């Protein structure tokens, strides 16, 4: 009489692969992004840019058009960056723990150049690309 011993092992293998796939998907979508920035930092940077373009506002208004940032922001109001409503404020960079290393391309994010203030985002003459330079 033949016994089907391999069937439970095949089912366990399929379930194991499915669980590993779901955990990997969850990690990538909730904050890993494998880029070094957390989802919270990305949302804080987006909110800062929104504050600059809007001239002020509340985080709840920002989330209406950026629903992926719901519950992820560190700030509640643009005034926390130094911007007053109506576009007359002078928004300041929120405290950053990350920066763009010297000589690396910049201008694509709101992160400051490392070793500021001597370094800032400037166009490199040889490549015409914005890089963190003294």
N, C-alpha and C. Protein backbone atom coordinates (compact mmCIF):
# COMPACT_ATOMS: atom_id res chain seq x y z
N UNK A 1 0.83 -1.18 0.00
CA UNK A 1 0.00 0.00 0.00
C UNK A 1 0.89 1.25 0.00
N UNK A 2 0.63 2.18 -0.91
CA UNK A 2 1.45 3.39 -1.02
C UNK A 2 0.91 4.47 -0.09
N UNK A 3 1.86 5.17 0.52
CA UNK A 3 1.47 6.28 1.40
C UNK A 3 1.94 7.59 0.78
N UNK A 4 1.15 8.61 0.90
CA UNK A 4 1.50 9.93 0.37
C UNK A 4 2.16 10.76 1.47
N UNK A 5 3.42 10.45 1.73
CA UNK A 5 4.15 11.12 2.81
C UNK A 5 4.56 12.53 2.41
N UNK A 6 4.81 12.79 1.16
CA UNK A 6 5.33 14.08 0.71
C UNK A 6 4.28 15.18 0.69
N UNK A 7 3.01 14.88 0.69
CA UNK A 7 1.96 15.89 0.58
C UNK A 7 2.01 16.91 1.72
N UNK A 8 2.11 16.50 2.99
CA UNK A 8 2.18 17.50 4.06
C UNK A 8 3.41 18.40 3.94
N UNK A 9 4.54 17.84 3.48
CA UNK A 9 5.75 18.64 3.33
C UNK A 9 5.60 19.66 2.21
N UNK A 10 4.95 19.28 1.14
CA UNK A 10 4.73 20.21 0.03
C UNK A 10 3.80 21.34 0.47
N UNK A 11 2.77 21.02 1.21
CA UNK A 11 1.84 22.04 1.71
C UNK A 11 2.58 22.99 2.66
N UNK A 12 3.39 22.45 3.56
CA UNK A 12 4.17 23.28 4.49
C UNK A 12 5.14 24.18 3.74
N UNK A 13 5.77 23.66 2.70
CA UNK A 13 6.69 24.46 1.88
C UNK A 13 5.97 25.61 1.20
N UNK A 14 4.82 25.35 0.64
CA UNK A 14 4.02 26.40 -0.04
C UNK A 14 3.60 27.47 0.97
N UNK A 15 3.13 27.06 2.13
CA UNK A 15 2.73 28.03 3.16
C UNK A 15 3.93 28.84 3.65
N UNK A 16 5.07 28.20 3.82
CA UNK A 16 6.28 28.91 4.25
C UNK A 16 6.71 29.98 3.26
N UNK A 17 6.70 29.64 1.99
CA UNK A 17 7.06 30.61 0.95
C UNK A 17 6.06 31.77 0.93
N UNK A 18 4.78 31.48 1.11
CA UNK A 18 3.76 32.53 1.12
C UNK A 18 3.98 33.47 2.31
N UNK A 19 4.27 32.93 3.48
CA UNK A 19 4.50 33.76 4.66
C UNK A 19 5.74 34.64 4.48
N UNK A 20 6.81 34.07 3.97
CA UNK A 20 8.03 34.86 3.72
C UNK A 20 7.75 35.97 2.71
N UNK A 21 6.98 35.68 1.68
CA UNK A 21 6.62 36.70 0.69
C UNK A 21 5.79 37.82 1.29
N UNK A 22 4.83 37.48 2.13
CA UNK A 22 3.99 38.50 2.78
C UNK A 22 4.80 39.37 3.74
N UNK A 23 5.70 38.77 4.51
CA UNK A 23 6.55 39.55 5.42
C UNK A 23 7.47 40.47 4.62
N UNK A 24 8.04 40.00 3.54
CA UNK A 24 8.88 40.84 2.69
C UNK A 24 8.10 42.00 2.09
N UNK A 25 6.91 41.73 1.59
CA UNK A 25 6.07 42.79 1.04
C UNK A 25 5.73 43.82 2.10
N UNK A 26 5.39 43.36 3.31
CA UNK A 26 5.06 44.27 4.40
C UNK A 26 6.25 45.14 4.75
N UNK A 27 7.45 44.57 4.80
CA UNK A 27 8.65 45.33 5.13
C UNK A 27 8.91 46.42 4.10
N UNK A 28 8.82 46.09 2.84
CA UNK A 28 9.10 47.05 1.77
C UNK A 28 8.07 48.17 1.76
N UNK A 29 6.80 47.86 1.96
CA UNK A 29 5.76 48.89 1.85
C UNK A 29 5.59 49.75 3.09
N UNK A 30 6.02 49.28 4.26
CA UNK A 30 5.77 50.07 5.47
C UNK A 30 6.96 50.89 5.94
N UNK A 31 8.04 50.86 5.28
CA UNK A 31 9.10 51.73 5.76
C UNK A 31 10.49 51.35 5.33
N UNK A 32 10.73 50.13 4.94
CA UNK A 32 12.08 49.75 4.57
C UNK A 32 12.54 50.52 3.35
N UNK A 33 11.86 50.38 2.29
CA UNK A 33 12.15 51.03 1.01
C UNK A 33 13.61 50.83 0.58
N UNK A 34 14.42 50.19 1.39
CA UNK A 34 15.81 49.88 1.11
C UNK A 34 16.59 51.11 0.66
N UNK A 35 16.13 52.31 0.99
CA UNK A 35 16.82 53.52 0.58
C UNK A 35 17.42 54.29 1.73
N UNK A 36 17.30 53.83 2.93
CA UNK A 36 17.92 54.50 4.06
C UNK A 36 17.01 55.49 4.76
N UNK A 37 15.90 55.86 4.19
CA UNK A 37 14.99 56.79 4.84
C UNK A 37 13.75 56.05 5.29
N UNK A 38 13.28 56.40 6.47
CA UNK A 38 12.04 55.80 6.94
C UNK A 38 10.86 56.50 6.28
N UNK A 39 9.71 55.86 6.31
CA UNK A 39 8.50 56.46 5.74
C UNK A 39 8.16 57.75 6.47
N UNK A 40 8.42 57.80 7.79
CA UNK A 40 8.15 59.00 8.57
C UNK A 40 9.01 60.17 8.09
N UNK A 41 10.30 59.93 7.84
CA UNK A 41 11.19 60.98 7.35
C UNK A 41 10.76 61.46 5.98
N UNK A 42 10.36 60.53 5.12
CA UNK A 42 9.90 60.90 3.78
C UNK A 42 8.67 61.80 3.88
N UNK A 43 7.72 61.44 4.76
CA UNK A 43 6.51 62.25 4.92
C UNK A 43 6.82 63.61 5.53
N UNK A 44 7.75 63.66 6.48
CA UNK A 44 8.15 64.95 7.06
C UNK A 44 8.75 65.85 5.98
N UNK A 45 9.59 65.29 5.11
CA UNK A 45 10.19 66.07 4.03
C UNK A 45 9.14 66.55 3.03
N UNK A 46 8.18 65.66 2.70
CA UNK A 46 7.09 66.07 1.80
C UNK A 46 6.27 67.19 2.42
N UNK A 47 6.01 67.08 3.73
CA UNK A 47 5.22 68.12 4.42
C UNK A 47 5.97 69.45 4.39
N UNK A 48 7.29 69.43 4.60
CA UNK A 48 8.08 70.66 4.55
C UNK A 48 7.95 71.29 3.16
N UNK A 49 8.09 70.49 2.10
CA UNK A 49 7.97 71.03 0.75
C UNK A 49 6.57 71.60 0.51
N UNK A 50 5.55 70.91 1.03
CA UNK A 50 4.17 71.39 0.89
C UNK A 50 4.00 72.72 1.62
N UNK A 51 4.60 72.84 2.82
CA UNK A 51 4.52 74.09 3.57
C UNK A 51 5.14 75.24 2.79
N UNK A 52 6.27 74.96 2.14
CA UNK A 52 6.96 76.01 1.38
C UNK A 52 6.09 76.45 0.20
N UNK A 53 5.50 75.49 -0.51
CA UNK A 53 4.70 75.86 -1.69
C UNK A 53 3.37 76.48 -1.31
N UNK A 54 2.77 76.03 -0.21
CA UNK A 54 1.47 76.56 0.22
C UNK A 54 1.60 77.84 1.05
N UNK A 55 2.77 78.06 1.65
CA UNK A 55 2.96 79.24 2.49
C UNK A 55 2.37 79.06 3.88
N UNK A 56 2.04 77.88 4.27
CA UNK A 56 1.47 77.62 5.59
C UNK A 56 0.34 76.61 5.47
N UNK A 57 -0.07 76.09 6.61
CA UNK A 57 -1.18 75.14 6.60
C UNK A 57 -1.03 74.10 7.69
N UNK A 58 -1.98 73.19 7.74
CA UNK A 58 -2.02 72.15 8.76
C UNK A 58 -1.71 70.80 8.13
N UNK A 59 -1.15 69.91 8.94
CA UNK A 59 -0.80 68.57 8.47
C UNK A 59 -2.04 67.82 8.00
N UNK A 60 -3.18 68.06 8.64
CA UNK A 60 -4.42 67.38 8.24
C UNK A 60 -4.82 67.76 6.81
N UNK A 61 -4.55 69.01 6.41
CA UNK A 61 -4.84 69.42 5.03
C UNK A 61 -3.85 68.75 4.06
N UNK A 62 -2.60 68.64 4.47
CA UNK A 62 -1.57 68.00 3.65
C UNK A 62 -1.91 66.53 3.39
N UNK A 63 -2.42 65.85 4.41
CA UNK A 63 -2.70 64.41 4.30
C UNK A 63 -3.85 64.14 3.33
N UNK A 64 -4.73 65.10 3.12
CA UNK A 64 -5.85 64.89 2.19
C UNK A 64 -5.37 64.53 0.79
N UNK A 65 -4.23 65.12 0.37
CA UNK A 65 -3.69 64.80 -0.95
C UNK A 65 -2.49 63.86 -0.88
N UNK A 66 -2.06 63.48 0.33
CA UNK A 66 -0.94 62.56 0.53
C UNK A 66 -1.34 61.51 1.56
N UNK A 67 -2.32 60.69 1.19
CA UNK A 67 -2.90 59.75 2.16
C UNK A 67 -1.90 58.73 2.67
N UNK A 68 -0.79 58.50 1.94
CA UNK A 68 0.21 57.54 2.42
C UNK A 68 0.93 58.05 3.67
N UNK A 69 0.76 59.33 3.98
CA UNK A 69 1.41 59.92 5.16
C UNK A 69 0.49 59.97 6.38
N UNK A 70 -0.71 59.43 6.29
CA UNK A 70 -1.64 59.45 7.41
C UNK A 70 -0.99 58.79 8.63
N UNK A 71 -0.91 59.54 9.72
CA UNK A 71 -0.37 59.02 10.97
C UNK A 71 1.14 58.91 11.00
N UNK A 72 1.85 59.42 10.00
CA UNK A 72 3.31 59.26 9.97
C UNK A 72 4.07 60.55 10.25
N UNK A 73 3.43 61.70 10.23
CA UNK A 73 4.16 62.95 10.36
C UNK A 73 4.56 63.27 11.79
N UNK A 74 5.64 64.07 11.92
CA UNK A 74 6.12 64.53 13.22
C UNK A 74 5.54 65.90 13.57
N UNK A 75 4.93 66.58 12.62
CA UNK A 75 4.50 67.97 12.80
C UNK A 75 3.00 68.08 12.59
N UNK A 76 2.39 69.11 13.17
CA UNK A 76 0.96 69.33 13.00
C UNK A 76 0.66 70.57 12.20
N UNK A 77 1.60 71.49 12.11
CA UNK A 77 1.35 72.78 11.48
C UNK A 77 2.64 73.29 10.84
N UNK A 78 2.50 74.03 9.74
CA UNK A 78 3.67 74.58 9.06
C UNK A 78 4.43 75.57 9.94
N UNK A 79 3.76 76.19 10.89
CA UNK A 79 4.43 77.17 11.74
C UNK A 79 5.55 76.52 12.56
N UNK A 80 5.52 75.20 12.70
CA UNK A 80 6.58 74.51 13.43
C UNK A 80 7.90 74.56 12.67
N UNK A 81 7.85 74.90 11.38
CA UNK A 81 9.07 75.08 10.58
C UNK A 81 9.49 76.54 10.54
N UNK A 82 8.70 77.44 11.09
CA UNK A 82 9.01 78.85 11.05
C UNK A 82 8.24 79.59 9.98
N UNK A 83 7.28 78.93 9.33
CA UNK A 83 6.48 79.56 8.28
C UNK A 83 5.18 80.07 8.87
N UNK A 84 4.83 81.29 8.56
CA UNK A 84 3.52 81.79 8.96
C UNK A 84 2.59 81.69 7.77
N UNK A 85 1.31 81.69 7.99
CA UNK A 85 0.35 81.54 6.90
C UNK A 85 0.44 82.65 5.89
N UNK A 86 -0.01 82.39 4.69
CA UNK A 86 -0.07 83.41 3.65
C UNK A 86 1.20 83.53 2.83
N UNK A 87 2.17 82.69 3.05
CA UNK A 87 3.37 82.72 2.22
C UNK A 87 4.38 83.76 2.61
N UNK A 88 4.22 84.45 3.73
CA UNK A 88 5.17 85.49 4.09
C UNK A 88 6.24 84.99 5.03
N UNK A 89 6.11 83.75 5.51
CA UNK A 89 7.09 83.22 6.45
C UNK A 89 8.37 82.80 5.75
N UNK A 90 9.34 82.45 6.54
CA UNK A 90 10.57 81.94 5.99
C UNK A 90 10.78 80.54 6.54
N UNK A 91 10.26 79.52 5.81
CA UNK A 91 10.34 78.16 6.31
C UNK A 91 11.78 77.72 6.54
N UNK A 92 11.99 77.00 7.61
CA UNK A 92 13.31 76.49 7.93
C UNK A 92 13.28 74.98 7.83
N UNK A 93 14.45 74.43 7.60
CA UNK A 93 14.59 72.98 7.51
C UNK A 93 14.30 72.36 8.88
N UNK A 94 13.49 71.28 8.92
CA UNK A 94 13.30 70.61 10.20
C UNK A 94 14.60 69.95 10.62
N UNK A 95 14.75 69.61 11.90
CA UNK A 95 15.98 68.96 12.31
C UNK A 95 16.17 67.66 11.53
N UNK A 96 17.33 67.49 10.96
CA UNK A 96 17.60 66.31 10.13
C UNK A 96 18.66 65.44 10.80
N UNK A 97 18.49 64.17 10.72
CA UNK A 97 19.51 63.25 11.20
C UNK A 97 20.26 62.66 10.01
N UNK A 98 19.79 62.94 8.80
CA UNK A 98 20.42 62.40 7.61
C UNK A 98 20.85 63.56 6.72
N UNK A 99 21.87 63.35 5.93
CA UNK A 99 22.33 64.38 5.01
C UNK A 99 22.95 63.71 3.78
N UNK A 100 23.21 64.53 2.77
CA UNK A 100 23.80 64.03 1.53
C UNK A 100 25.32 64.19 1.66
N UNK A 101 26.10 63.13 1.47
CA UNK A 101 27.57 63.23 1.61
C UNK A 101 28.19 64.16 0.59
N UNK A 102 29.35 64.69 0.94
CA UNK A 102 30.08 65.60 0.06
C UNK A 102 30.33 64.96 -1.29
N UNK A 103 30.16 65.73 -2.35
CA UNK A 103 30.41 65.25 -3.69
C UNK A 103 29.27 64.43 -4.29
N UNK A 104 28.19 64.18 -3.53
CA UNK A 104 27.07 63.38 -4.03
C UNK A 104 26.01 64.30 -4.62
N UNK A 105 25.22 63.75 -5.52
CA UNK A 105 24.17 64.52 -6.18
C UNK A 105 23.14 65.02 -5.17
N UNK A 106 22.73 66.25 -5.31
CA UNK A 106 21.74 66.84 -4.40
C UNK A 106 20.69 67.58 -5.22
N UNK A 107 19.76 68.22 -4.55
CA UNK A 107 18.72 68.96 -5.24
C UNK A 107 17.49 68.12 -5.50
N UNK A 108 17.59 66.79 -5.33
CA UNK A 108 16.45 65.92 -5.57
C UNK A 108 15.65 65.70 -4.30
N UNK A 109 16.27 66.00 -3.14
CA UNK A 109 15.59 65.84 -1.86
C UNK A 109 15.77 67.12 -1.07
N UNK A 110 15.13 67.18 0.09
CA UNK A 110 15.27 68.36 0.93
C UNK A 110 16.33 68.15 2.00
N UNK A 111 17.12 67.08 1.90
CA UNK A 111 18.16 66.83 2.89
C UNK A 111 19.31 67.81 2.70
N UNK A 112 19.91 68.28 3.79
CA UNK A 112 21.06 69.19 3.67
C UNK A 112 22.33 68.44 3.31
N UNK A 113 23.34 69.17 2.84
CA UNK A 113 24.64 68.57 2.56
C UNK A 113 25.36 68.34 3.89
N UNK A 114 26.13 67.25 3.95
CA UNK A 114 26.91 66.98 5.16
C UNK A 114 27.96 68.08 5.34
N UNK A 115 28.35 68.31 6.59
CA UNK A 115 29.34 69.33 6.95
C UNK A 115 28.87 70.74 6.63
N UNK A 116 27.57 70.97 6.69
CA UNK A 116 27.05 72.32 6.48
C UNK A 116 27.58 73.20 7.59
N UNK A 117 27.74 74.49 7.42
CA UNK A 117 27.41 75.33 6.28
C UNK A 117 28.47 75.45 5.20
N UNK A 118 29.75 74.99 5.39
CA UNK A 118 30.66 75.23 4.27
C UNK A 118 30.24 74.52 2.99
N UNK A 119 29.44 73.46 3.10
CA UNK A 119 29.01 72.73 1.91
C UNK A 119 27.56 73.07 1.59
N UNK A 120 27.26 73.20 0.31
CA UNK A 120 25.88 73.43 -0.11
C UNK A 120 25.69 72.82 -1.50
N UNK A 121 24.46 72.81 -1.95
CA UNK A 121 24.13 72.19 -3.23
C UNK A 121 24.48 73.16 -4.36
N UNK A 122 25.51 72.81 -5.14
CA UNK A 122 25.98 73.68 -6.22
C UNK A 122 26.15 72.86 -7.49
N UNK A 123 26.14 73.54 -8.64
CA UNK A 123 26.32 72.87 -9.92
C UNK A 123 27.82 72.60 -10.12
N UNK A 124 28.17 71.33 -10.32
CA UNK A 124 29.55 70.96 -10.58
C UNK A 124 29.87 71.32 -12.04
N UNK A 125 30.93 72.06 -12.25
CA UNK A 125 31.26 72.57 -13.58
C UNK A 125 31.48 71.45 -14.60
N UNK A 126 32.16 70.38 -14.21
CA UNK A 126 32.50 69.34 -15.19
C UNK A 126 31.30 68.53 -15.65
N UNK A 127 30.33 68.33 -14.75
CA UNK A 127 29.21 67.47 -15.12
C UNK A 127 27.88 68.21 -15.24
N UNK A 128 27.83 69.46 -14.81
CA UNK A 128 26.60 70.26 -14.81
C UNK A 128 25.50 69.62 -13.96
N UNK A 129 25.91 68.82 -12.97
CA UNK A 129 24.96 68.18 -12.05
C UNK A 129 25.12 68.83 -10.69
N UNK A 130 24.00 69.04 -10.00
CA UNK A 130 24.07 69.64 -8.67
C UNK A 130 24.63 68.63 -7.68
N UNK A 131 25.70 69.04 -6.97
CA UNK A 131 26.34 68.18 -5.98
C UNK A 131 26.64 68.98 -4.73
N UNK A 132 26.82 68.28 -3.60
CA UNK A 132 27.21 68.94 -2.36
C UNK A 132 28.69 69.32 -2.47
N UNK A 133 28.95 70.61 -2.54
CA UNK A 133 30.31 71.12 -2.72
C UNK A 133 30.57 72.27 -1.76
N UNK A 134 31.88 72.52 -1.44
CA UNK A 134 32.22 73.67 -0.56
C UNK A 134 32.04 74.97 -1.30
